[in-house]
Amino acid sequence: MNSREPVLASSVGSDASDDVVGGVESPVRRRPKPGERRVQILQALATMLQQPGAERITTAALAARLGVSEAALYRHFASKAQMFEGLIDFIEQSVFGLVNQLGEREPDAIARSRKLVALLLQFGEMNPGMVRVMVGDALVFENERLQQRMNLFFDKVESSLRQNLHEAAALSGSVTPTLDAQTHASAITAFCVGRLQRFARSGFKRMPSENLELTLALLLR
């Protein structure tokens, strides 16, 4: 699989000059702009996560990939957990930014739900390293609050689906629109998580969007 480097928005902060491993620095080495080194660290972490079969990533390995010292990493992030939080911030902002746009642009509740599922799975395809964070594989030995944040992320996805499906059920004349919406939203969210897990655990070979139109036709009639 070709390596994809995620495009992360710049973080606000002051970046001092970083140490190069071994104390050797190129005479033409450019001083990073404010926030640039933070973005480079997160991009490197996400890229390392997308390597099939990647084991737990250490700060030593991350520093080596960037050609800096571990101390340089800690000038921009207080801990490795904070680096993962930076990736989670990117996931949340990217996905829910698009979900909010759907709410403004798509009047049909069922179409809105289908597009929400599609954008979530397509985000995963475009950011395979992030998928290992989303499904928790990369968080097994990390701080428990990271997994809690990802649990909350999918709770929010389910909540968005539930709102859409309650609207659709009410319009269709269902006598139990709340129950219908809860049941379907839960099942669809579980489907999304399952597709993302399969993608990560297949070494990023089984695409999340495989036969998606047919599947959505069954899930969202």
N, C-alpha and C. Protein backbone atom coordinates (compact mmCIF):
# COMPACT_ATOMS: atom_id res chain seq x y z
N MET A 1 0.84 -1.20 0.00
CA MET A 1 0.00 0.00 0.00
C MET A 1 0.87 1.24 0.00
N ASN A 2 0.55 2.20 -0.81
CA ASN A 2 1.32 3.42 -0.85
C ASN A 2 1.15 4.20 0.42
N SER A 3 2.26 4.80 0.88
CA SER A 3 2.20 5.58 2.11
C SER A 3 1.48 6.88 1.86
N ARG A 4 0.54 7.19 2.74
CA ARG A 4 -0.17 8.45 2.66
C ARG A 4 0.21 9.29 3.85
N GLU A 5 0.57 10.54 3.61
CA GLU A 5 0.90 11.43 4.73
C GLU A 5 -0.26 12.36 4.96
N PRO A 6 -0.91 12.28 6.13
CA PRO A 6 -2.07 13.12 6.40
C PRO A 6 -1.71 14.59 6.43
N VAL A 7 -2.64 15.40 5.99
CA VAL A 7 -2.44 16.84 6.03
C VAL A 7 -3.11 17.36 7.29
N LEU A 8 -2.31 17.84 8.21
CA LEU A 8 -2.83 18.31 9.48
C LEU A 8 -2.78 19.82 9.54
N ALA A 9 -3.81 20.40 10.14
CA ALA A 9 -3.83 21.85 10.30
C ALA A 9 -2.76 22.26 11.29
N SER A 10 -2.14 23.40 11.07
CA SER A 10 -1.08 23.87 11.96
C SER A 10 -1.63 24.17 13.34
N SER A 11 -0.83 23.84 14.34
CA SER A 11 -1.19 24.14 15.72
C SER A 11 -0.56 25.46 16.11
N VAL A 12 -1.22 26.16 17.02
CA VAL A 12 -0.71 27.44 17.47
C VAL A 12 0.29 27.20 18.59
N GLY A 13 1.44 27.82 18.51
CA GLY A 13 2.41 27.66 19.58
C GLY A 13 3.76 28.12 19.14
N SER A 14 4.68 28.27 20.07
CA SER A 14 6.03 28.72 19.79
C SER A 14 6.92 27.52 19.56
N ASP A 15 7.73 27.53 18.48
CA ASP A 15 8.63 26.44 18.16
C ASP A 15 10.07 26.90 18.25
N ALA A 16 10.76 26.42 19.24
CA ALA A 16 12.18 26.69 19.31
C ALA A 16 12.92 25.77 18.36
N SER A 17 14.17 26.08 18.05
CA SER A 17 14.96 25.24 17.17
C SER A 17 15.16 23.88 17.82
N ASP A 18 15.02 22.76 17.02
CA ASP A 18 15.09 21.42 17.57
C ASP A 18 16.50 20.85 17.45
N ASP A 19 16.85 19.98 18.40
CA ASP A 19 18.13 19.30 18.36
C ASP A 19 18.10 18.21 17.30
N VAL A 20 19.19 18.04 16.60
CA VAL A 20 19.33 16.94 15.66
C VAL A 20 20.04 15.81 16.37
N VAL A 21 19.62 14.56 16.09
CA VAL A 21 20.23 13.42 16.75
C VAL A 21 21.73 13.44 16.53
N GLY A 22 22.48 13.27 17.59
CA GLY A 22 23.92 13.27 17.47
C GLY A 22 24.53 14.65 17.50
N GLY A 23 23.70 15.68 17.55
CA GLY A 23 24.21 17.04 17.63
C GLY A 23 24.72 17.59 16.32
N VAL A 24 24.44 16.89 15.19
CA VAL A 24 24.90 17.35 13.89
C VAL A 24 23.77 18.08 13.20
N GLU A 25 24.01 19.26 12.74
CA GLU A 25 22.97 20.07 12.12
C GLU A 25 23.46 20.59 10.77
N SER A 26 22.61 20.48 9.77
CA SER A 26 22.97 20.97 8.45
C SER A 26 23.10 22.49 8.48
N PRO A 27 24.12 23.05 7.80
CA PRO A 27 24.29 24.50 7.82
C PRO A 27 23.16 25.24 7.12
N VAL A 28 22.36 24.52 6.30
CA VAL A 28 21.26 25.18 5.59
C VAL A 28 19.92 24.82 6.19
N ARG A 29 19.93 24.18 7.36
CA ARG A 29 18.68 23.75 7.98
C ARG A 29 17.81 24.94 8.33
N ARG A 30 16.59 24.91 7.84
CA ARG A 30 15.67 26.03 8.04
C ARG A 30 14.98 25.91 9.39
N ARG A 31 14.89 27.04 10.09
CA ARG A 31 14.19 27.07 11.37
C ARG A 31 12.69 26.91 11.11
N PRO A 32 12.03 25.95 11.78
CA PRO A 32 10.59 25.75 11.54
C PRO A 32 9.78 26.99 11.91
N LYS A 33 8.72 27.21 11.15
CA LYS A 33 7.81 28.30 11.48
C LYS A 33 7.02 27.92 12.73
N PRO A 34 6.41 28.91 13.40
CA PRO A 34 5.60 28.60 14.59
C PRO A 34 4.53 27.55 14.29
N GLY A 35 4.51 26.49 15.07
CA GLY A 35 3.52 25.42 14.89
C GLY A 35 3.92 24.36 13.89
N GLU A 36 4.90 24.64 13.06
CA GLU A 36 5.25 23.70 11.99
C GLU A 36 5.81 22.39 12.53
N ARG A 37 6.67 22.47 13.53
CA ARG A 37 7.28 21.24 14.06
C ARG A 37 6.22 20.35 14.71
N ARG A 38 5.25 20.95 15.39
CA ARG A 38 4.16 20.16 15.98
C ARG A 38 3.43 19.37 14.89
N VAL A 39 3.15 20.02 13.78
CA VAL A 39 2.46 19.36 12.68
C VAL A 39 3.32 18.24 12.11
N GLN A 40 4.61 18.47 11.98
CA GLN A 40 5.52 17.45 11.46
C GLN A 40 5.54 16.23 12.37
N ILE A 41 5.53 16.46 13.67
CA ILE A 41 5.52 15.35 14.63
C ILE A 41 4.25 14.53 14.48
N LEU A 42 3.10 15.19 14.38
CA LEU A 42 1.84 14.48 14.24
C LEU A 42 1.75 13.74 12.92
N GLN A 43 2.26 14.34 11.85
CA GLN A 43 2.27 13.68 10.55
C GLN A 43 3.14 12.43 10.59
N ALA A 44 4.29 12.53 11.24
CA ALA A 44 5.19 11.38 11.34
C ALA A 44 4.54 10.26 12.16
N LEU A 45 3.88 10.62 13.25
CA LEU A 45 3.20 9.63 14.08
C LEU A 45 2.10 8.92 13.29
N ALA A 46 1.29 9.69 12.57
CA ALA A 46 0.21 9.10 11.78
C ALA A 46 0.75 8.20 10.69
N THR A 47 1.86 8.60 10.06
CA THR A 47 2.46 7.80 9.00
C THR A 47 3.02 6.49 9.55
N MET A 48 3.63 6.54 10.72
CA MET A 48 4.16 5.32 11.34
C MET A 48 3.02 4.37 11.73
N LEU A 49 1.90 4.93 12.15
CA LEU A 49 0.76 4.11 12.55
C LEU A 49 0.15 3.35 11.38
N GLN A 50 0.32 3.87 10.17
CA GLN A 50 -0.32 3.21 9.03
C GLN A 50 0.52 2.09 8.44
N GLN A 51 1.67 1.80 9.03
CA GLN A 51 2.46 0.67 8.57
C GLN A 51 1.81 -0.62 9.06
N PRO A 52 1.42 -1.53 8.17
CA PRO A 52 0.77 -2.77 8.59
C PRO A 52 1.63 -3.53 9.60
N GLY A 53 1.00 -3.97 10.68
CA GLY A 53 1.72 -4.74 11.70
C GLY A 53 2.59 -3.90 12.60
N ALA A 54 2.43 -2.58 12.54
CA ALA A 54 3.26 -1.70 13.38
C ALA A 54 3.02 -1.99 14.85
N GLU A 55 4.11 -2.12 15.61
CA GLU A 55 3.99 -2.33 17.03
C GLU A 55 3.83 -0.98 17.72
N ARG A 56 3.80 -1.02 19.05
CA ARG A 56 3.67 0.22 19.80
C ARG A 56 4.80 1.18 19.42
N ILE A 57 4.42 2.40 19.10
CA ILE A 57 5.40 3.38 18.65
C ILE A 57 5.98 4.10 19.87
N THR A 58 7.30 4.10 19.95
CA THR A 58 7.98 4.77 21.04
C THR A 58 8.39 6.17 20.62
N THR A 59 8.62 7.03 21.61
CA THR A 59 9.09 8.38 21.28
C THR A 59 10.49 8.32 20.67
N ALA A 60 11.28 7.30 21.05
CA ALA A 60 12.61 7.15 20.46
C ALA A 60 12.51 6.88 18.96
N ALA A 61 11.58 5.99 18.57
CA ALA A 61 11.40 5.68 17.15
C ALA A 61 10.85 6.88 16.40
N LEU A 62 9.94 7.60 17.03
CA LEU A 62 9.37 8.79 16.39
C LEU A 62 10.43 9.87 16.19
N ALA A 63 11.27 10.07 17.21
CA ALA A 63 12.34 11.06 17.11
C ALA A 63 13.33 10.67 16.02
N ALA A 64 13.64 9.37 15.93
CA ALA A 64 14.58 8.90 14.92
C ALA A 64 14.03 9.14 13.51
N ARG A 65 12.73 8.92 13.34
CA ARG A 65 12.13 9.14 12.03
C ARG A 65 12.25 10.61 11.61
N LEU A 66 12.11 11.51 12.57
CA LEU A 66 12.17 12.94 12.30
C LEU A 66 13.61 13.47 12.28
N GLY A 67 14.55 12.65 12.77
CA GLY A 67 15.93 13.09 12.81
C GLY A 67 16.20 14.12 13.89
N VAL A 68 15.46 14.02 15.00
CA VAL A 68 15.65 14.94 16.12
C VAL A 68 15.82 14.13 17.39
N SER A 69 16.11 14.81 18.49
CA SER A 69 16.23 14.13 19.78
C SER A 69 14.86 13.99 20.41
N GLU A 70 14.74 13.05 21.37
CA GLU A 70 13.48 12.91 22.11
C GLU A 70 13.16 14.19 22.86
N ALA A 71 14.19 14.86 23.35
CA ALA A 71 13.97 16.12 24.07
C ALA A 71 13.28 17.14 23.18
N ALA A 72 13.60 17.10 21.88
CA ALA A 72 12.97 18.04 20.95
C ALA A 72 11.47 17.79 20.84
N LEU A 73 11.07 16.51 20.90
CA LEU A 73 9.64 16.19 20.85
C LEU A 73 8.92 16.79 22.05
N TYR A 74 9.56 16.69 23.20
CA TYR A 74 8.91 17.14 24.44
C TYR A 74 8.92 18.65 24.59
N ARG A 75 9.58 19.36 23.68
CA ARG A 75 9.44 20.81 23.68
C ARG A 75 8.11 21.23 23.06
N HIS A 76 7.48 20.32 22.32
CA HIS A 76 6.24 20.64 21.62
C HIS A 76 5.03 19.89 22.19
N PHE A 77 5.29 18.74 22.84
CA PHE A 77 4.22 17.95 23.46
C PHE A 77 4.72 17.50 24.83
N ALA A 78 3.88 17.65 25.84
CA ALA A 78 4.28 17.29 27.20
C ALA A 78 4.43 15.78 27.37
N SER A 79 3.76 15.00 26.53
CA SER A 79 3.79 13.55 26.64
C SER A 79 3.36 12.94 25.31
N LYS A 80 3.57 11.63 25.18
CA LYS A 80 3.11 10.95 23.97
C LYS A 80 1.58 10.95 23.92
N ALA A 81 0.94 10.89 25.09
CA ALA A 81 -0.53 10.96 25.13
C ALA A 81 -1.02 12.25 24.48
N GLN A 82 -0.29 13.34 24.71
CA GLN A 82 -0.68 14.61 24.13
C GLN A 82 -0.53 14.60 22.61
N MET A 83 0.43 13.83 22.11
CA MET A 83 0.57 13.67 20.65
C MET A 83 -0.65 12.96 20.08
N PHE A 84 -1.08 11.89 20.76
CA PHE A 84 -2.28 11.18 20.31
C PHE A 84 -3.51 12.07 20.40
N GLU A 85 -3.55 12.92 21.42
CA GLU A 85 -4.67 13.85 21.52
C GLU A 85 -4.69 14.80 20.33
N GLY A 86 -3.50 15.17 19.84
CA GLY A 86 -3.44 16.01 18.64
C GLY A 86 -4.05 15.31 17.44
N LEU A 87 -3.81 13.99 17.31
CA LEU A 87 -4.42 13.23 16.22
C LEU A 87 -5.94 13.13 16.40
N ILE A 88 -6.37 12.92 17.63
CA ILE A 88 -7.81 12.83 17.90
C ILE A 88 -8.49 14.17 17.61
N ASP A 89 -7.83 15.26 17.95
CA ASP A 89 -8.37 16.58 17.62
C ASP A 89 -8.60 16.70 16.12
N PHE A 90 -7.61 16.25 15.35
CA PHE A 90 -7.72 16.31 13.89
C PHE A 90 -8.88 15.45 13.38
N ILE A 91 -9.02 14.25 13.93
CA ILE A 91 -10.12 13.37 13.54
C ILE A 91 -11.47 14.03 13.82
N GLU A 92 -11.63 14.54 15.03
CA GLU A 92 -12.89 15.16 15.42
C GLU A 92 -13.22 16.37 14.57
N GLN A 93 -12.26 17.24 14.39
CA GLN A 93 -12.50 18.47 13.63
C GLN A 93 -12.82 18.16 12.17
N SER A 94 -12.12 17.18 11.60
CA SER A 94 -12.34 16.83 10.19
C SER A 94 -13.71 16.22 9.98
N VAL A 95 -14.04 15.20 10.78
CA VAL A 95 -15.29 14.47 10.58
C VAL A 95 -16.50 15.32 10.96
N PHE A 96 -16.47 15.94 12.14
CA PHE A 96 -17.65 16.69 12.56
C PHE A 96 -17.80 18.01 11.82
N GLY A 97 -16.70 18.53 11.28
CA GLY A 97 -16.83 19.70 10.41
C GLY A 97 -17.65 19.36 9.18
N LEU A 98 -17.41 18.16 8.61
CA LEU A 98 -18.18 17.71 7.45
C LEU A 98 -19.61 17.34 7.83
N VAL A 99 -19.78 16.74 9.01
CA VAL A 99 -21.13 16.38 9.48
C VAL A 99 -21.98 17.64 9.64
N ASN A 100 -21.39 18.69 10.18
CA ASN A 100 -22.13 19.95 10.35
C ASN A 100 -22.53 20.54 9.00
N GLN A 101 -21.66 20.40 8.00
CA GLN A 101 -21.99 20.88 6.66
C GLN A 101 -23.17 20.10 6.08
N LEU A 102 -23.20 18.79 6.35
CA LEU A 102 -24.33 17.98 5.87
C LEU A 102 -25.64 18.49 6.46
N GLY A 103 -25.61 18.84 7.73
CA GLY A 103 -26.81 19.33 8.38
C GLY A 103 -27.34 20.60 7.75
N GLU A 104 -26.44 21.39 7.18
CA GLU A 104 -26.83 22.66 6.57
C GLU A 104 -27.24 22.49 5.11
N ARG A 105 -26.69 21.49 4.43
CA ARG A 105 -26.86 21.40 2.98
C ARG A 105 -27.81 20.29 2.51
N GLU A 106 -28.03 19.27 3.35
CA GLU A 106 -28.84 18.13 2.90
C GLU A 106 -30.15 18.10 3.68
N PRO A 107 -31.28 18.42 3.04
CA PRO A 107 -32.56 18.47 3.75
C PRO A 107 -33.17 17.10 4.04
N ASP A 108 -32.82 16.10 3.24
CA ASP A 108 -33.41 14.77 3.42
C ASP A 108 -32.66 13.99 4.50
N ALA A 109 -33.38 13.54 5.52
CA ALA A 109 -32.74 12.90 6.67
C ALA A 109 -32.06 11.59 6.32
N ILE A 110 -32.67 10.79 5.46
CA ILE A 110 -32.07 9.51 5.08
C ILE A 110 -30.82 9.74 4.23
N ALA A 111 -30.89 10.66 3.27
CA ALA A 111 -29.72 10.98 2.45
C ALA A 111 -28.60 11.54 3.32
N ARG A 112 -28.97 12.33 4.31
CA ARG A 112 -27.99 12.91 5.23
C ARG A 112 -27.29 11.80 6.02
N SER A 113 -28.03 10.80 6.42
CA SER A 113 -27.45 9.68 7.17
C SER A 113 -26.51 8.87 6.29
N ARG A 114 -26.92 8.62 5.06
CA ARG A 114 -26.06 7.86 4.14
C ARG A 114 -24.76 8.59 3.88
N LYS A 115 -24.85 9.90 3.70
CA LYS A 115 -23.65 10.69 3.43
C LYS A 115 -22.75 10.75 4.66
N LEU A 116 -23.35 10.75 5.85
CA LEU A 116 -22.55 10.75 7.07
C LEU A 116 -21.72 9.47 7.16
N VAL A 117 -22.35 8.34 6.92
CA VAL A 117 -21.63 7.07 6.96
C VAL A 117 -20.53 7.06 5.90
N ALA A 118 -20.85 7.51 4.70
CA ALA A 118 -19.86 7.52 3.61
C ALA A 118 -18.67 8.39 3.94
N LEU A 119 -18.91 9.58 4.47
CA LEU A 119 -17.79 10.48 4.75
C LEU A 119 -16.92 9.93 5.88
N LEU A 120 -17.52 9.27 6.87
CA LEU A 120 -16.76 8.69 7.97
C LEU A 120 -15.83 7.59 7.45
N LEU A 121 -16.37 6.70 6.63
CA LEU A 121 -15.57 5.59 6.12
C LEU A 121 -14.54 6.07 5.10
N GLN A 122 -14.89 7.05 4.30
CA GLN A 122 -13.93 7.60 3.34
C GLN A 122 -12.79 8.34 4.04
N PHE A 123 -13.10 9.00 5.15
CA PHE A 123 -12.05 9.63 5.95
C PHE A 123 -11.06 8.57 6.41
N GLY A 124 -11.58 7.42 6.85
CA GLY A 124 -10.71 6.33 7.27
C GLY A 124 -9.83 5.83 6.15
N GLU A 125 -10.39 5.67 4.96
CA GLU A 125 -9.61 5.21 3.82
C GLU A 125 -8.47 6.17 3.49
N MET A 126 -8.72 7.45 3.61
CA MET A 126 -7.73 8.46 3.28
C MET A 126 -6.68 8.62 4.38
N ASN A 127 -7.00 8.17 5.58
CA ASN A 127 -6.11 8.36 6.74
C ASN A 127 -5.96 7.04 7.50
N PRO A 128 -5.31 6.05 6.89
CA PRO A 128 -5.24 4.73 7.53
C PRO A 128 -4.59 4.73 8.91
N GLY A 129 -3.57 5.57 9.11
CA GLY A 129 -2.95 5.64 10.43
C GLY A 129 -3.92 6.11 11.48
N MET A 130 -4.80 7.05 11.10
CA MET A 130 -5.80 7.56 12.04
C MET A 130 -6.82 6.47 12.42
N VAL A 131 -7.06 5.54 11.50
CA VAL A 131 -8.02 4.47 11.78
C VAL A 131 -7.58 3.64 12.97
N ARG A 132 -6.28 3.40 13.09
CA ARG A 132 -5.78 2.62 14.23
C ARG A 132 -6.02 3.35 15.54
N VAL A 133 -6.10 4.67 15.49
CA VAL A 133 -6.47 5.45 16.67
C VAL A 133 -7.98 5.36 16.88
N MET A 134 -8.75 5.50 15.81
CA MET A 134 -10.21 5.50 15.91
C MET A 134 -10.75 4.21 16.51
N VAL A 135 -10.19 3.07 16.11
CA VAL A 135 -10.71 1.79 16.61
C VAL A 135 -9.98 1.33 17.86
N GLY A 136 -9.01 2.11 18.33
CA GLY A 136 -8.36 1.82 19.60
C GLY A 136 -7.14 0.92 19.54
N ASP A 137 -6.80 0.38 18.36
CA ASP A 137 -5.64 -0.51 18.28
C ASP A 137 -4.35 0.17 18.71
N ALA A 138 -4.21 1.45 18.37
CA ALA A 138 -2.99 2.18 18.70
C ALA A 138 -3.00 2.72 20.12
N LEU A 139 -4.12 2.55 20.82
CA LEU A 139 -4.26 3.15 22.15
C LEU A 139 -4.21 2.12 23.28
N VAL A 140 -3.97 0.86 22.93
CA VAL A 140 -4.04 -0.22 23.92
C VAL A 140 -3.14 0.03 25.12
N PHE A 141 -1.91 0.50 24.89
CA PHE A 141 -0.95 0.70 25.98
C PHE A 141 -0.79 2.16 26.36
N GLU A 142 -1.72 3.00 25.87
CA GLU A 142 -1.62 4.43 26.14
C GLU A 142 -2.59 4.84 27.25
N ASN A 143 -2.63 6.13 27.53
CA ASN A 143 -3.48 6.65 28.60
C ASN A 143 -4.95 6.33 28.33
N GLU A 144 -5.66 5.90 29.37
CA GLU A 144 -7.06 5.46 29.23
C GLU A 144 -7.97 6.57 28.71
N ARG A 145 -7.62 7.83 28.98
CA ARG A 145 -8.49 8.92 28.55
C ARG A 145 -8.55 9.03 27.02
N LEU A 146 -7.54 8.52 26.33
CA LEU A 146 -7.54 8.57 24.88
C LEU A 146 -8.64 7.67 24.32
N GLN A 147 -8.75 6.46 24.86
CA GLN A 147 -9.81 5.56 24.43
C GLN A 147 -11.18 6.13 24.79
N GLN A 148 -11.27 6.78 25.92
CA GLN A 148 -12.53 7.40 26.32
C GLN A 148 -12.94 8.47 25.32
N ARG A 149 -11.97 9.22 24.82
CA ARG A 149 -12.29 10.25 23.82
C ARG A 149 -12.78 9.63 22.53
N MET A 150 -12.19 8.51 22.12
CA MET A 150 -12.65 7.87 20.89
C MET A 150 -14.02 7.24 21.10
N ASN A 151 -14.29 6.73 22.29
CA ASN A 151 -15.64 6.22 22.59
C ASN A 151 -16.65 7.35 22.46
N LEU A 152 -16.30 8.52 22.97
CA LEU A 152 -17.18 9.68 22.89
C LEU A 152 -17.37 10.12 21.44
N PHE A 153 -16.32 9.99 20.64
CA PHE A 153 -16.41 10.33 19.21
C PHE A 153 -17.51 9.50 18.55
N PHE A 154 -17.51 8.20 18.77
CA PHE A 154 -18.52 7.35 18.13
C PHE A 154 -19.90 7.54 18.78
N ASP A 155 -19.93 7.93 20.04
CA ASP A 155 -21.22 8.29 20.65
C ASP A 155 -21.83 9.49 19.93
N LYS A 156 -20.98 10.44 19.54
CA LYS A 156 -21.46 11.62 18.82
C LYS A 156 -21.92 11.27 17.41
N VAL A 157 -21.20 10.34 16.78
CA VAL A 157 -21.64 9.86 15.46
C VAL A 157 -23.01 9.23 15.58
N GLU A 158 -23.18 8.37 16.59
CA GLU A 158 -24.47 7.71 16.79
C GLU A 158 -25.58 8.72 17.10
N SER A 159 -25.24 9.75 17.87
CA SER A 159 -26.23 10.78 18.20
C SER A 159 -26.68 11.52 16.94
N SER A 160 -25.74 11.83 16.05
CA SER A 160 -26.10 12.51 14.80
C SER A 160 -27.00 11.64 13.95
N LEU A 161 -26.67 10.36 13.87
CA LEU A 161 -27.52 9.43 13.11
C LEU A 161 -28.90 9.31 13.75
N ARG A 162 -28.93 9.26 15.06
CA ARG A 162 -30.21 9.12 15.77
C ARG A 162 -31.12 10.31 15.50
N GLN A 163 -30.56 11.50 15.49
CA GLN A 163 -31.36 12.70 15.20
C GLN A 163 -31.93 12.63 13.79
N ASN A 164 -31.07 12.25 12.83
CA ASN A 164 -31.53 12.14 11.44
C ASN A 164 -32.65 11.11 11.30
N LEU A 165 -32.43 9.95 11.91
CA LEU A 165 -33.37 8.84 11.74
C LEU A 165 -34.67 9.06 12.51
N HIS A 166 -34.60 9.80 13.60
CA HIS A 166 -35.84 10.16 14.30
C HIS A 166 -36.69 11.05 13.41
N GLU A 167 -36.04 11.99 12.74
CA GLU A 167 -36.75 12.87 11.81
C GLU A 167 -37.40 12.07 10.70
N ALA A 168 -36.63 11.11 10.14
CA ALA A 168 -37.15 10.29 9.04
C ALA A 168 -38.31 9.41 9.51
N ALA A 169 -38.17 8.82 10.71
CA ALA A 169 -39.22 7.94 11.23
C ALA A 169 -40.50 8.71 11.51
N ALA A 170 -40.36 9.91 12.05
CA ALA A 170 -41.53 10.73 12.34
C ALA A 170 -42.25 11.11 11.06
N LEU A 171 -41.49 11.46 10.03
CA LEU A 171 -42.09 11.85 8.74
C LEU A 171 -42.77 10.68 8.06
N SER A 172 -42.26 9.47 8.32
CA SER A 172 -42.85 8.29 7.67
C SER A 172 -44.09 7.79 8.41
N GLY A 173 -44.40 8.41 9.57
CA GLY A 173 -45.59 8.02 10.31
C GLY A 173 -45.38 6.91 11.31
N SER A 174 -44.12 6.61 11.67
CA SER A 174 -43.85 5.57 12.65
C SER A 174 -44.51 5.91 13.99
N VAL A 175 -45.05 4.89 14.65
CA VAL A 175 -45.67 5.11 15.96
C VAL A 175 -44.62 5.05 17.08
N THR A 176 -43.40 4.58 16.73
CA THR A 176 -42.29 4.51 17.71
C THR A 176 -41.03 5.14 17.11
N PRO A 177 -41.07 6.42 16.75
CA PRO A 177 -39.92 7.03 16.07
C PRO A 177 -38.65 7.04 16.92
N THR A 178 -38.78 7.22 18.23
CA THR A 178 -37.59 7.26 19.10
C THR A 178 -36.91 5.90 19.16
N LEU A 179 -37.70 4.85 19.37
CA LEU A 179 -37.16 3.50 19.42
C LEU A 179 -36.55 3.11 18.08
N ASP A 180 -37.25 3.42 16.99
CA ASP A 180 -36.74 3.11 15.66
C ASP A 180 -35.39 3.78 15.42
N ALA A 181 -35.32 5.05 15.77
CA ALA A 181 -34.10 5.82 15.54
C ALA A 181 -32.94 5.27 16.37
N GLN A 182 -33.21 4.97 17.65
CA GLN A 182 -32.16 4.44 18.52
C GLN A 182 -31.63 3.11 18.01
N THR A 183 -32.55 2.24 17.60
CA THR A 183 -32.15 0.90 17.14
C THR A 183 -31.31 0.98 15.88
N HIS A 184 -31.77 1.75 14.91
CA HIS A 184 -31.05 1.84 13.64
C HIS A 184 -29.73 2.59 13.78
N ALA A 185 -29.71 3.65 14.56
CA ALA A 185 -28.48 4.42 14.75
C ALA A 185 -27.40 3.57 15.41
N SER A 186 -27.80 2.76 16.39
CA SER A 186 -26.85 1.87 17.07
C SER A 186 -26.28 0.84 16.11
N ALA A 187 -27.14 0.25 15.29
CA ALA A 187 -26.69 -0.77 14.35
C ALA A 187 -25.77 -0.18 13.28
N ILE A 188 -26.08 0.99 12.80
CA ILE A 188 -25.28 1.62 11.75
C ILE A 188 -23.92 2.05 12.30
N THR A 189 -23.90 2.55 13.53
CA THR A 189 -22.63 2.93 14.14
C THR A 189 -21.74 1.70 14.34
N ALA A 190 -22.33 0.61 14.78
CA ALA A 190 -21.58 -0.64 14.95
C ALA A 190 -21.02 -1.12 13.61
N PHE A 191 -21.80 -0.95 12.54
CA PHE A 191 -21.33 -1.30 11.20
C PHE A 191 -20.11 -0.46 10.83
N CYS A 192 -20.15 0.83 11.11
CA CYS A 192 -19.02 1.72 10.77
C CYS A 192 -17.76 1.32 11.54
N VAL A 193 -17.92 1.06 12.83
CA VAL A 193 -16.77 0.65 13.64
C VAL A 193 -16.21 -0.67 13.12
N GLY A 194 -17.10 -1.60 12.77
CA GLY A 194 -16.67 -2.89 12.25
C GLY A 194 -15.89 -2.76 10.94
N ARG A 195 -16.37 -1.90 10.05
CA ARG A 195 -15.67 -1.70 8.79
C ARG A 195 -14.28 -1.10 9.01
N LEU A 196 -14.18 -0.15 9.93
CA LEU A 196 -12.89 0.48 10.21
C LEU A 196 -11.94 -0.51 10.88
N GLN A 197 -12.46 -1.35 11.78
CA GLN A 197 -11.63 -2.37 12.41
C GLN A 197 -11.11 -3.37 11.37
N ARG A 198 -11.97 -3.79 10.48
CA ARG A 198 -11.56 -4.73 9.44
C ARG A 198 -10.47 -4.13 8.56
N PHE A 199 -10.61 -2.85 8.24
CA PHE A 199 -9.62 -2.13 7.44
C PHE A 199 -8.26 -2.16 8.12
N ALA A 200 -8.23 -1.82 9.41
CA ALA A 200 -6.96 -1.79 10.14
C ALA A 200 -6.36 -3.19 10.27
N ARG A 201 -7.19 -4.16 10.60
CA ARG A 201 -6.68 -5.50 10.91
C ARG A 201 -6.40 -6.34 9.67
N SER A 202 -6.80 -5.84 8.50
CA SER A 202 -6.45 -6.51 7.24
C SER A 202 -5.17 -5.93 6.66
N GLY A 203 -4.50 -5.07 7.43
CA GLY A 203 -3.32 -4.40 6.89
C GLY A 203 -3.70 -3.34 5.88
N PHE A 204 -4.90 -2.77 6.05
CA PHE A 204 -5.43 -1.72 5.19
C PHE A 204 -5.70 -2.21 3.76
N LYS A 205 -6.09 -3.47 3.65
CA LYS A 205 -6.41 -4.04 2.34
C LYS A 205 -7.91 -4.09 2.07
N ARG A 206 -8.72 -4.32 3.11
CA ARG A 206 -10.17 -4.37 2.92
C ARG A 206 -10.73 -2.97 3.14
N MET A 207 -11.14 -2.34 2.06
CA MET A 207 -11.58 -0.95 2.12
C MET A 207 -12.89 -0.81 2.90
N PRO A 208 -13.00 0.21 3.75
CA PRO A 208 -14.25 0.43 4.50
C PRO A 208 -15.46 0.67 3.60
N SER A 209 -15.23 1.28 2.45
CA SER A 209 -16.34 1.63 1.56
C SER A 209 -16.70 0.52 0.58
N GLU A 210 -16.18 -0.68 0.79
CA GLU A 210 -16.46 -1.81 -0.10
C GLU A 210 -17.97 -2.09 -0.16
N ASN A 211 -18.52 -2.09 -1.38
CA ASN A 211 -19.96 -2.33 -1.59
C ASN A 211 -20.83 -1.45 -0.70
N LEU A 212 -20.40 -0.21 -0.50
CA LEU A 212 -21.08 0.65 0.47
C LEU A 212 -22.50 1.01 0.04
N GLU A 213 -22.69 1.31 -1.23
CA GLU A 213 -24.02 1.71 -1.69
C GLU A 213 -25.05 0.61 -1.44
N LEU A 214 -24.68 -0.63 -1.75
CA LEU A 214 -25.60 -1.76 -1.53
C LEU A 214 -25.87 -1.96 -0.04
N THR A 215 -24.83 -1.84 0.77
CA THR A 215 -24.99 -2.01 2.21
C THR A 215 -25.87 -0.93 2.80
N LEU A 216 -25.66 0.31 2.37
CA LEU A 216 -26.48 1.41 2.88
C LEU A 216 -27.94 1.27 2.45
N ALA A 217 -28.14 0.70 1.27
CA ALA A 217 -29.50 0.48 0.81
C ALA A 217 -30.23 -0.49 1.73
N LEU A 218 -29.50 -1.44 2.31
CA LEU A 218 -30.10 -2.39 3.25
C LEU A 218 -30.28 -1.79 4.63
N LEU A 219 -29.30 -0.98 5.05
CA LEU A 219 -29.34 -0.40 6.40
C LEU A 219 -30.29 0.80 6.49
N LEU A 220 -30.38 1.56 5.39
CA LEU A 220 -31.15 2.80 5.40
C LEU A 220 -32.17 2.79 4.27
N ARG A 221 -33.24 2.10 4.46
CA ARG A 221 -34.28 2.01 3.44
C ARG A 221 -35.20 3.22 3.53
